[in-house]
C-alpha atoms as a PDB file:
ATOM      1  CA  MET A   1      47.777   1.078  40.483  1.00  0.00           C
ATOM      2  CA  LYS A   2      46.007   2.364  37.921  1.00  0.00           C
ATOM      3  CA  LYS A   3      46.343   0.856  34.278  1.00  0.00           C
ATOM      4  CA  GLN A   4      46.727   3.407  31.938  1.00  0.00           C
ATOM      5  CA  ALA A   5      44.461   3.537  28.675  1.00  0.00           C
ATOM      6  CA  LYS A   6      45.305   2.494  25.385  1.00  0.00           C
ATOM      7  CA  VAL A   7      45.254   5.093  22.990  1.00  0.00           C
ATOM      8  CA  ILE A   8      44.135   3.660  19.286  1.00  0.00           C
ATOM      9  CA  ASN A   9      44.565   5.936  16.211  1.00  0.00           C
ATOM     10  CA  VAL A  10      41.057   4.701  14.161  1.00  0.00           C
ATOM     11  CA  SER A  11      42.655   5.622  10.962  1.00  0.00           C
ATOM     12  CA  ASP A  12      45.911   3.307  11.401  1.00  0.00           C
ATOM     13  CA  ARG A  13      43.297   0.227  12.347  1.00  0.00           C
ATOM     14  CA  ALA A  14      40.644   1.256   9.473  1.00  0.00           C
ATOM     15  CA  ALA A  15      44.412   1.123   7.065  1.00  0.00           C
ATOM     16  CA  SER A  16      44.938  -2.238   8.544  1.00  0.00           C
ATOM     17  CA  ASP A  17      41.726  -4.075   8.137  1.00  0.00           C
ATOM     18  CA  THR A  18      41.360  -3.383   4.733  1.00  0.00           C
ATOM     19  CA  SER A  19      42.448  -4.526   1.787  1.00  0.00           C
ATOM     20  CA  PHE A  20      42.335  -4.625  -1.541  1.00  0.00           C
ATOM     21  CA  ALA A  21      40.045  -7.438  -2.320  1.00  0.00           C
ATOM     22  CA  GLU A  22      37.187  -6.141  -0.017  1.00  0.00           C
ATOM     23  CA  GLY A  23      37.063  -2.310  -1.700  1.00  0.00           C
ATOM     24  CA  VAL A  24      36.636  -4.087  -4.738  1.00  0.00           C
ATOM     25  CA  LEU A  25      33.690  -6.986  -3.470  1.00  0.00           C
ATOM     26  CA  ALA A  26      31.819  -4.925  -1.256  1.00  0.00           C
ATOM     27  CA  PRO A  27      30.133  -2.486  -3.961  1.00  0.00           C
ATOM     28  CA  LEU A  28      29.622  -6.035  -5.654  1.00  0.00           C
ATOM     29  CA  VAL A  29      27.770  -7.524  -2.867  1.00  0.00           C
ATOM     30  CA  GLY A  30      25.651  -4.483  -2.733  1.00  0.00           C
ATOM     31  CA  MET A  31      24.997  -4.885  -6.583  1.00  0.00           C
ATOM     32  CA  LYS A  32      24.180  -8.606  -6.045  1.00  0.00           C
ATOM     33  CA  LEU A  33      21.328  -7.802  -3.317  1.00  0.00           C
ATOM     34  CA  THR A  34      20.142  -5.298  -5.764  1.00  0.00           C
ATOM     35  CA  MET A  35      19.920  -6.919  -8.527  1.00  0.00           C
ATOM     36  CA  THR A  36      18.115  -9.846  -6.370  1.00  0.00           C
ATOM     37  CA  ARG A  37      15.382  -7.767  -5.205  1.00  0.00           C
ATOM     38  CA  ALA A  38      14.985  -6.240  -8.631  1.00  0.00           C
ATOM     39  CA  ILE A  39      14.420  -9.842  -9.893  1.00  0.00           C
ATOM     40  CA  ASP A  40      11.906 -11.183  -7.531  1.00  0.00           C
ATOM     41  CA  ASN A  41       9.679  -7.761  -8.444  1.00  0.00           C
ATOM     42  CA  LEU A  42       9.760  -8.172 -11.807  1.00  0.00           C
ATOM     43  CA  THR A  43       9.124 -12.330 -11.522  1.00  0.00           C
ATOM     44  CA  GLY A  44       5.954 -11.597  -8.816  1.00  0.00           C
ATOM     45  CA  LYS A  45       7.837 -13.398  -6.045  1.00  0.00           C
ATOM     46  CA  ILE A  46       7.762 -10.241  -3.976  1.00  0.00           C
ATOM     47  CA  ASP A  47       4.442  -8.575  -4.891  1.00  0.00           C
ATOM     48  CA  ALA A  48       5.023  -5.365  -2.004  1.00  0.00           C
ATOM     49  CA  THR A  49       2.422  -3.005  -3.915  1.00  0.00           C
ATOM     50  CA  ILE A  50      -1.223  -2.393  -2.421  1.00  0.00           C
ATOM     51  CA  ARG A  51      -3.383  -2.044  -5.905  1.00  0.00           C
ATOM     52  CA  TYR A  52      -5.891   0.254  -3.760  1.00  0.00           C
ATOM     53  CA  PRO A  53      -8.695   0.206  -3.956  1.00  0.00           C
ATOM     54  CA  GLU A  54      -9.371  -3.297  -5.442  1.00  0.00           C
ATOM     55  CA  GLU A  55      -6.456  -4.507  -2.737  1.00  0.00           C
ATOM     56  CA  ARG A  56      -6.735  -2.824   0.371  1.00  0.00           C
ATOM     57  CA  ARG A  57      -4.256  -3.543   3.957  1.00  0.00           C
ATOM     58  CA  SER A  58      -4.770  -5.833   6.027  1.00  0.00           C
ATOM     59  CA  TYR A  59      -5.526  -3.580   9.541  1.00  0.00           C
ATOM     60  CA  SER A  60      -4.904  -5.155  12.969  1.00  0.00           C
ATOM     61  CA  ASP A  61      -8.379  -5.188  15.055  1.00  0.00           C
ATOM     62  CA  ARG A  62      -6.944  -2.571  17.217  1.00  0.00           C
ATOM     63  CA  TYR A  63      -7.222  -0.177  14.480  1.00  0.00           C
ATOM     64  CA  ARG A  64      -8.976   2.992  15.487  1.00  0.00           C
ATOM     65  CA  GLY A  65     -11.407   4.195  12.806  1.00  0.00           C
ATOM     66  CA  ALA A  66     -14.941   5.563  12.630  1.00  0.00           C
ATOM     67  CA  HIS A  67     -16.893   5.249  16.021  1.00  0.00           C
ATOM     68  CA  ILE A  68     -19.767   2.852  16.212  1.00  0.00           C
ATOM     69  CA  LEU A  69     -22.948   3.331  19.302  1.00  0.00           C
ATOM     70  CA  THR A  70     -23.522  -0.529  20.363  1.00  0.00           C
ATOM     71  CA  SER A  71     -26.887  -1.400  21.436  1.00  0.00           C
ATOM     72  CA  ARG A  72     -28.911  -4.282  24.054  1.00  0.00           C
ATOM     73  CA  GLU A  73     -31.097  -6.173  23.585  1.00  0.00           C
ATOM     74  CA  ASP A  74     -34.063  -4.048  22.474  1.00  0.00           C
ATOM     75  CA  GLY A  75     -31.824  -2.142  20.074  1.00  0.00           C
ATOM     76  CA  SER A  76     -31.612   0.713  22.063  1.00  0.00           C
ATOM     77  CA  PRO A  77     -28.533   2.135  22.279  1.00  0.00           C
ATOM     78  CA  ARG A  78     -26.446   1.356  25.632  1.00  0.00           C
ATOM     79  CA  CYS A  79     -25.204   4.569  26.350  1.00  0.00           C
ATOM     80  CA  VAL A  80     -25.749   5.914  29.827  1.00  0.00           C
ATOM     81  CA  ALA A  81     -25.461   9.523  28.998  1.00  0.00           C
ATOM     82  CA  CYS A  82     -22.392   9.987  31.558  1.00  0.00           C
ATOM     83  CA  TYR A  83     -20.204  12.158  29.565  1.00  0.00           C
ATOM     84  CA  MET A  84     -17.417  10.212  30.118  1.00  0.00           C
ATOM     85  CA  CYS A  85     -15.720   9.799  26.890  1.00  0.00           C
ATOM     86  CA  ALA A  86     -17.095  13.949  26.400  1.00  0.00           C
ATOM     87  CA  THR A  87     -14.573  14.495  28.964  1.00  0.00           C
ATOM     88  CA  ALA A  88     -12.015  12.017  28.294  1.00  0.00           C
ATOM     89  CA  CYS A  89     -12.090  13.679  24.287  1.00  0.00           C
ATOM     90  CA  PRO A  90      -9.199  15.950  23.924  1.00  0.00           C
ATOM     91  CA  ALA A  91     -10.393  17.280  20.931  1.00  0.00           C
ATOM     92  CA  ASP A  92     -14.063  18.251  22.058  1.00  0.00           C
ATOM     93  CA  CYS A  93     -15.438  16.317  19.501  1.00  0.00           C
ATOM     94  CA  ILE A  94     -18.500  15.066  21.626  1.00  0.00           C
ATOM     95  CA  TYR A  95     -21.718  16.300  22.589  1.00  0.00           C
ATOM     96  CA  ILE A  96     -24.118  14.663  24.580  1.00  0.00           C
ATOM     97  CA  GLU A  97     -27.550  15.672  25.819  1.00  0.00           C
ATOM     98  CA  PRO A  98     -29.063  13.476  28.098  1.00  0.00           C
ATOM     99  CA  ALA A  99     -32.999  12.292  29.090  1.00  0.00           C
ATOM    100  CA  GLU A 100     -34.777  10.447  32.067  1.00  0.00           C
ATOM    101  CA  HIS A 101     -34.632   6.488  30.671  1.00  0.00           C
ATOM    102  CA  PRO A 102     -38.760   4.891  30.831  1.00  0.00           C
ATOM    103  CA  ASP A 103     -36.494   1.626  32.383  1.00  0.00           C
ATOM    104  CA  PRO A 104     -36.106   2.320  36.292  1.00  0.00           C
ATOM    105  CA  LEU A 105     -33.388   0.355  36.320  1.00  0.00           C
ATOM    106  CA  ILE A 106     -31.465   2.769  33.593  1.00  0.00           C
ATOM    107  CA  GLU A 107     -31.366   5.898  34.956  1.00  0.00           C
ATOM    108  CA  LYS A 108     -30.225   7.745  31.567  1.00  0.00           C
ATOM    109  CA  TYR A 109     -30.125   7.651  27.982  1.00  0.00           C
ATOM    110  CA  PRO A 110     -28.831   9.954  25.276  1.00  0.00           C
ATOM    111  CA  ALA A 111     -31.658  11.758  23.684  1.00  0.00           C
ATOM    112  CA  ARG A 112     -28.594  13.397  21.075  1.00  0.00           C
ATOM    113  CA  PHE A 113     -25.013  11.498  20.566  1.00  0.00           C
ATOM    114  CA  ASP A 114     -23.123  13.791  18.320  1.00  0.00           C
ATOM    115  CA  ILE A 115     -19.597  13.345  16.896  1.00  0.00           C
ATOM    116  CA  ASP A 116     -17.665  16.102  14.849  1.00  0.00           C
ATOM    117  CA  MET A 117     -15.726  13.946  12.682  1.00  0.00           C
ATOM    118  CA  LEU A 118     -13.436  16.450  11.265  1.00  0.00           C
ATOM    119  CA  ARG A 119     -12.454  17.235  14.937  1.00  0.00           C
ATOM    120  CA  CYS A 120     -12.080  14.147  16.009  1.00  0.00           C
ATOM    121  CA  VAL A 121      -8.031  13.131  16.324  1.00  0.00           C
ATOM    122  CA  PHE A 122      -9.002   9.061  16.655  1.00  0.00           C
ATOM    123  CA  CYS A 123      -7.458   8.323  19.552  1.00  0.00           C
ATOM    124  CA  GLY A 124      -9.661   6.136  21.290  1.00  0.00           C
ATOM    125  CA  PHE A 125      -9.596   7.945  24.403  1.00  0.00           C
ATOM    126  CA  CYS A 126     -13.468   7.652  24.637  1.00  0.00           C
ATOM    127  CA  VAL A 127     -13.476   4.112  23.910  1.00  0.00           C
ATOM    128  CA  ASP A 128     -11.539   3.815  26.903  1.00  0.00           C
ATOM    129  CA  ALA A 129     -13.369   5.919  29.604  1.00  0.00           C
ATOM    130  CA  CYS A 130     -16.747   4.186  28.423  1.00  0.00           C
ATOM    131  CA  PRO A 131     -18.198   2.387  31.802  1.00  0.00           C
ATOM    132  CA  GLU A 132     -20.985   0.720  29.436  1.00  0.00           C
ATOM    133  CA  GLU A 133     -18.881  -0.570  26.345  1.00  0.00           C
ATOM    134  CA  ALA A 134     -21.197   1.698  24.403  1.00  0.00           C
ATOM    135  CA  ILE A 135     -18.864   2.970  22.098  1.00  0.00           C
ATOM    136  CA  ILE A 136     -16.137   0.909  20.401  1.00  0.00           C
ATOM    137  CA  MET A 137     -13.969   1.985  16.831  1.00  0.00           C
ATOM    138  CA  SER A 138     -14.351   0.585  13.542  1.00  0.00           C
ATOM    139  CA  ARG A 139     -11.518  -0.228  11.101  1.00  0.00           C
ATOM    140  CA  GLU A 140     -13.581   2.185   8.575  1.00  0.00           C
ATOM    141  CA  THR A 141     -10.673   4.495   6.835  1.00  0.00           C
ATOM    142  CA  GLU A 142     -12.599   6.017   3.997  1.00  0.00           C
ATOM    143  CA  ILE A 143     -14.363   8.972   5.503  1.00  0.00           C
ATOM    144  CA  CYS A 144     -15.970  10.852   2.414  1.00  0.00           C
ATOM    145  CA  ALA A 145     -18.664  13.819   2.648  1.00  0.00           C
ATOM    146  CA  PHE A 146     -19.638  15.918   0.177  1.00  0.00           C
ATOM    147  CA  ALA A 147     -21.243  18.289   2.551  1.00  0.00           C
ATOM    148  CA  ARG A 148     -20.037  19.713   6.272  1.00  0.00           C
ATOM    149  CA  GLU A 149     -23.426  18.448   7.928  1.00  0.00           C
ATOM    150  CA  GLU A 150     -22.220  14.881   6.396  1.00  0.00           C
ATOM    151  CA  THR A 151     -19.488  14.625   9.319  1.00  0.00           C
ATOM    152  CA  LEU A 152     -21.176  15.548  12.077  1.00  0.00           C
ATOM    153  CA  TRP A 153     -22.208  12.057  12.877  1.00  0.00           C
ATOM    154  CA  ASP A 154     -25.138  12.058  15.098  1.00  0.00           C
ATOM    155  CA  ILE A 155     -27.106   8.811  17.456  1.00  0.00           C
ATOM    156  CA  ASN A 156     -28.906   6.886  14.568  1.00  0.00           C
ATOM    157  CA  ARG A 157     -25.493   7.427  12.255  1.00  0.00           C
ATOM    158  CA  LEU A 158     -22.944   5.905  15.007  1.00  0.00           C
ATOM    159  CA  MET A 159     -25.584   3.166  15.299  1.00  0.00           C
ATOM    160  CA  HIS A 160     -26.440   1.891  11.814  1.00  0.00           C
ATOM    161  CA  ARG A 161     -23.968   1.643   9.924  1.00  0.00           C
ATOM    162  CA  PRO A 162     -24.419   0.656   6.070  1.00  0.00           C
ATOM    163  CA  GLU A 163     -20.000   0.315   5.878  1.00  0.00           C
ATOM    164  CA  LEU A 164     -19.399  -1.615   8.297  1.00  0.00           C
ATOM    165  CA  PRO A 165     -19.619  -5.150   6.952  1.00  0.00           C
ATOM    166  CA  GLU A 166     -16.587  -4.010   4.110  1.00  0.00           C
ATOM    167  CA  PHE A 167     -14.370  -2.906   7.282  1.00  0.00           C
ATOM    168  CA  GLY A 168     -15.383  -4.371  10.455  1.00  0.00           C
ATOM    169  CA  LEU A 169     -14.560  -3.853  13.787  1.00  0.00           C
ATOM    170  CA  GLY A 170     -12.004  -1.555  15.166  1.00  0.00           C
ATOM    171  CA  TYR A 171     -10.284  -0.646  18.624  1.00  0.00           C
ATOM    172  CA  ARG A 172     -12.210  -2.021  21.588  1.00  0.00           C
ATOM    173  CA  PRO A 173     -11.260  -3.498  24.963  1.00  0.00           C
ATOM    174  CA  ASN A 174     -13.433  -6.403  25.145  1.00  0.00           C
ATOM    175  CA  GLN A 175     -12.951  -7.914  21.724  1.00  0.00           C
ATOM    176  CA  GLU A 176     -16.030 -10.730  21.830  1.00  0.00           C
ATOM    177  CA  LEU A 177     -19.025  -8.266  23.200  1.00  0.00           C
ATOM    178  CA  VAL A 178     -20.446 -10.121  25.364  1.00  0.00           C
ATOM    179  CA  ASP A 179     -22.889  -7.451  26.462  1.00  0.00           C
ATOM    180  CA  SER A 180     -23.163  -5.201  23.955  1.00  0.00           C
ATOM    181  CA  LYS A 181     -24.835  -5.623  20.395  1.00  0.00           C
ATOM    182  CA  VAL A 182     -23.723  -4.555  16.432  1.00  0.00           C
ATOM    183  CA  MET A 183     -26.255  -3.367  13.833  1.00  0.00           C
ATOM    184  CA  PHE A 184     -24.399  -5.209  11.810  1.00  0.00           C
ATOM    185  CA  VAL A 185     -22.579  -8.374   9.947  1.00  0.00           C
ATOM    186  CA  PRO A 186     -19.330  -8.914   9.159  1.00  0.00           C
ATOM    187  CA  ARG A 187     -18.199  -9.818   5.798  1.00  0.00           C
ATOM    188  CA  GLU A 188     -15.670 -12.154   5.387  1.00  0.00           C
ATOM    189  CA  LYS A 189     -12.671 -11.617   3.497  1.00  0.00           C
ATOM    190  CA  LEU A 190      -9.943 -13.107   1.496  1.00  0.00           C
ATOM    191  CA  VAL A 191      -6.713 -12.213   2.884  1.00  0.00           C
ATOM    192  CA  LYS A 192      -2.957 -13.130   1.385  1.00  0.00           C
ATOM    193  CA  LYS A 193       0.309 -13.518   2.684  1.00  0.00           C
ATOM    194  CA  MET A 194       2.925 -11.156   0.777  1.00  0.00           C
ATOM    195  CA  ALA A 195       6.767 -10.970   0.962  1.00  0.00           C
ATOM    196  CA  GLY A 196       8.698  -7.944   2.568  1.00  0.00           C
ATOM    197  CA  ARG A 197       8.010  -5.843   4.920  1.00  0.00           C
ATOM    198  CA  ILE A 198       4.111  -5.605   4.079  1.00  0.00           C
ATOM    199  CA  THR A 199       3.016  -9.425   5.443  1.00  0.00           C
ATOM    200  CA  LEU A 200      -0.797  -8.827   4.663  1.00  0.00           C
ATOM    201  CA  LYS A 201      -2.998  -7.609   2.257  1.00  0.00           C
ATOM    202  CA  GLU A 202      -6.891  -8.375   1.644  1.00  0.00           C
ATOM    203  CA  ASP A 203      -9.006  -8.803  -1.710  1.00  0.00           C
ATOM    204  CA  VAL A 204     -11.993  -6.268  -1.323  1.00  0.00           C
ATOM    205  CA  LYS A 205     -14.565  -4.989  -3.564  1.00  0.00           C
ATOM    206  CA  MET A 206     -15.031  -1.400  -4.445  1.00  0.00           C
ATOM    207  CA  ILE A 207     -16.629   0.433  -1.722  1.00  0.00           C
ATOM    208  CA  PRO A 208     -18.983   3.415  -3.365  1.00  0.00           C
ATOM    209  CA  HIS A 209     -19.560   6.614  -1.420  1.00  0.00           C
ATOM    210  CA  VAL A 210     -22.750   5.536   1.015  1.00  0.00           C
ATOM    211  CA  THR A 211     -25.476   8.056   1.753  1.00  0.00           C
ATOM    212  CA  PHE A 212     -26.614   7.567   5.147  1.00  0.00           C
ATOM    213  CA  ASP A 213     -30.347   7.197   5.214  1.00  0.00           C
ATOM    214  CA  PRO A 214     -31.627   7.244   8.921  1.00  0.00           C
ATOM    215  CA  ASN A 215     -34.931   5.767   7.990  1.00  0.00           C
ATOM    216  CA  LYS A 216     -33.792   2.842   6.772  1.00  0.00           C
ATOM    217  CA  ASP A 217     -31.996  -0.390   8.138  1.00  0.00           C
END
């Protein structure tokens, strides 16, 4: 025999469950939490504010920032101009012109490799598509320019990155970069623990705008 469904009157149950004491104490409990947080902020126990640019959020190694072109041992670009990155790019911001490589073991190399940084959506698809580990991403977030031409990064700009010691490497399938070389040395930074929802921040120096000179190392 099918059991009859029990009908519950929500209003009656709420009225029977509540009491005068709960109605008075509930706001006080909320006020206690608010006052505790306020005191912690005033005394410095919780410091969730990041004082940019002297302090910066400590981003993950998976962060997708500005791109980097890696090189071989001899300093030549590791890219073989296979167009895999340009094909996978949803923003169509990568332009490649191939040329024949003098080494018979390497079929092609990019005579021209340009990325339009204003069109790029920093999705990392180019990094995933590359079979040679020739393109990776950094943790560089501060990309500024005074002219439109400065946002069109060519192969020299992508390989020689004077800003990277301050930011470090970002998203790359091979965390150790066993076969590829990057033309910069990361700088060690002091990372401080924080309370609250923001858990880490790092102390940095002011980073001025870097005007790229392809003739300098």
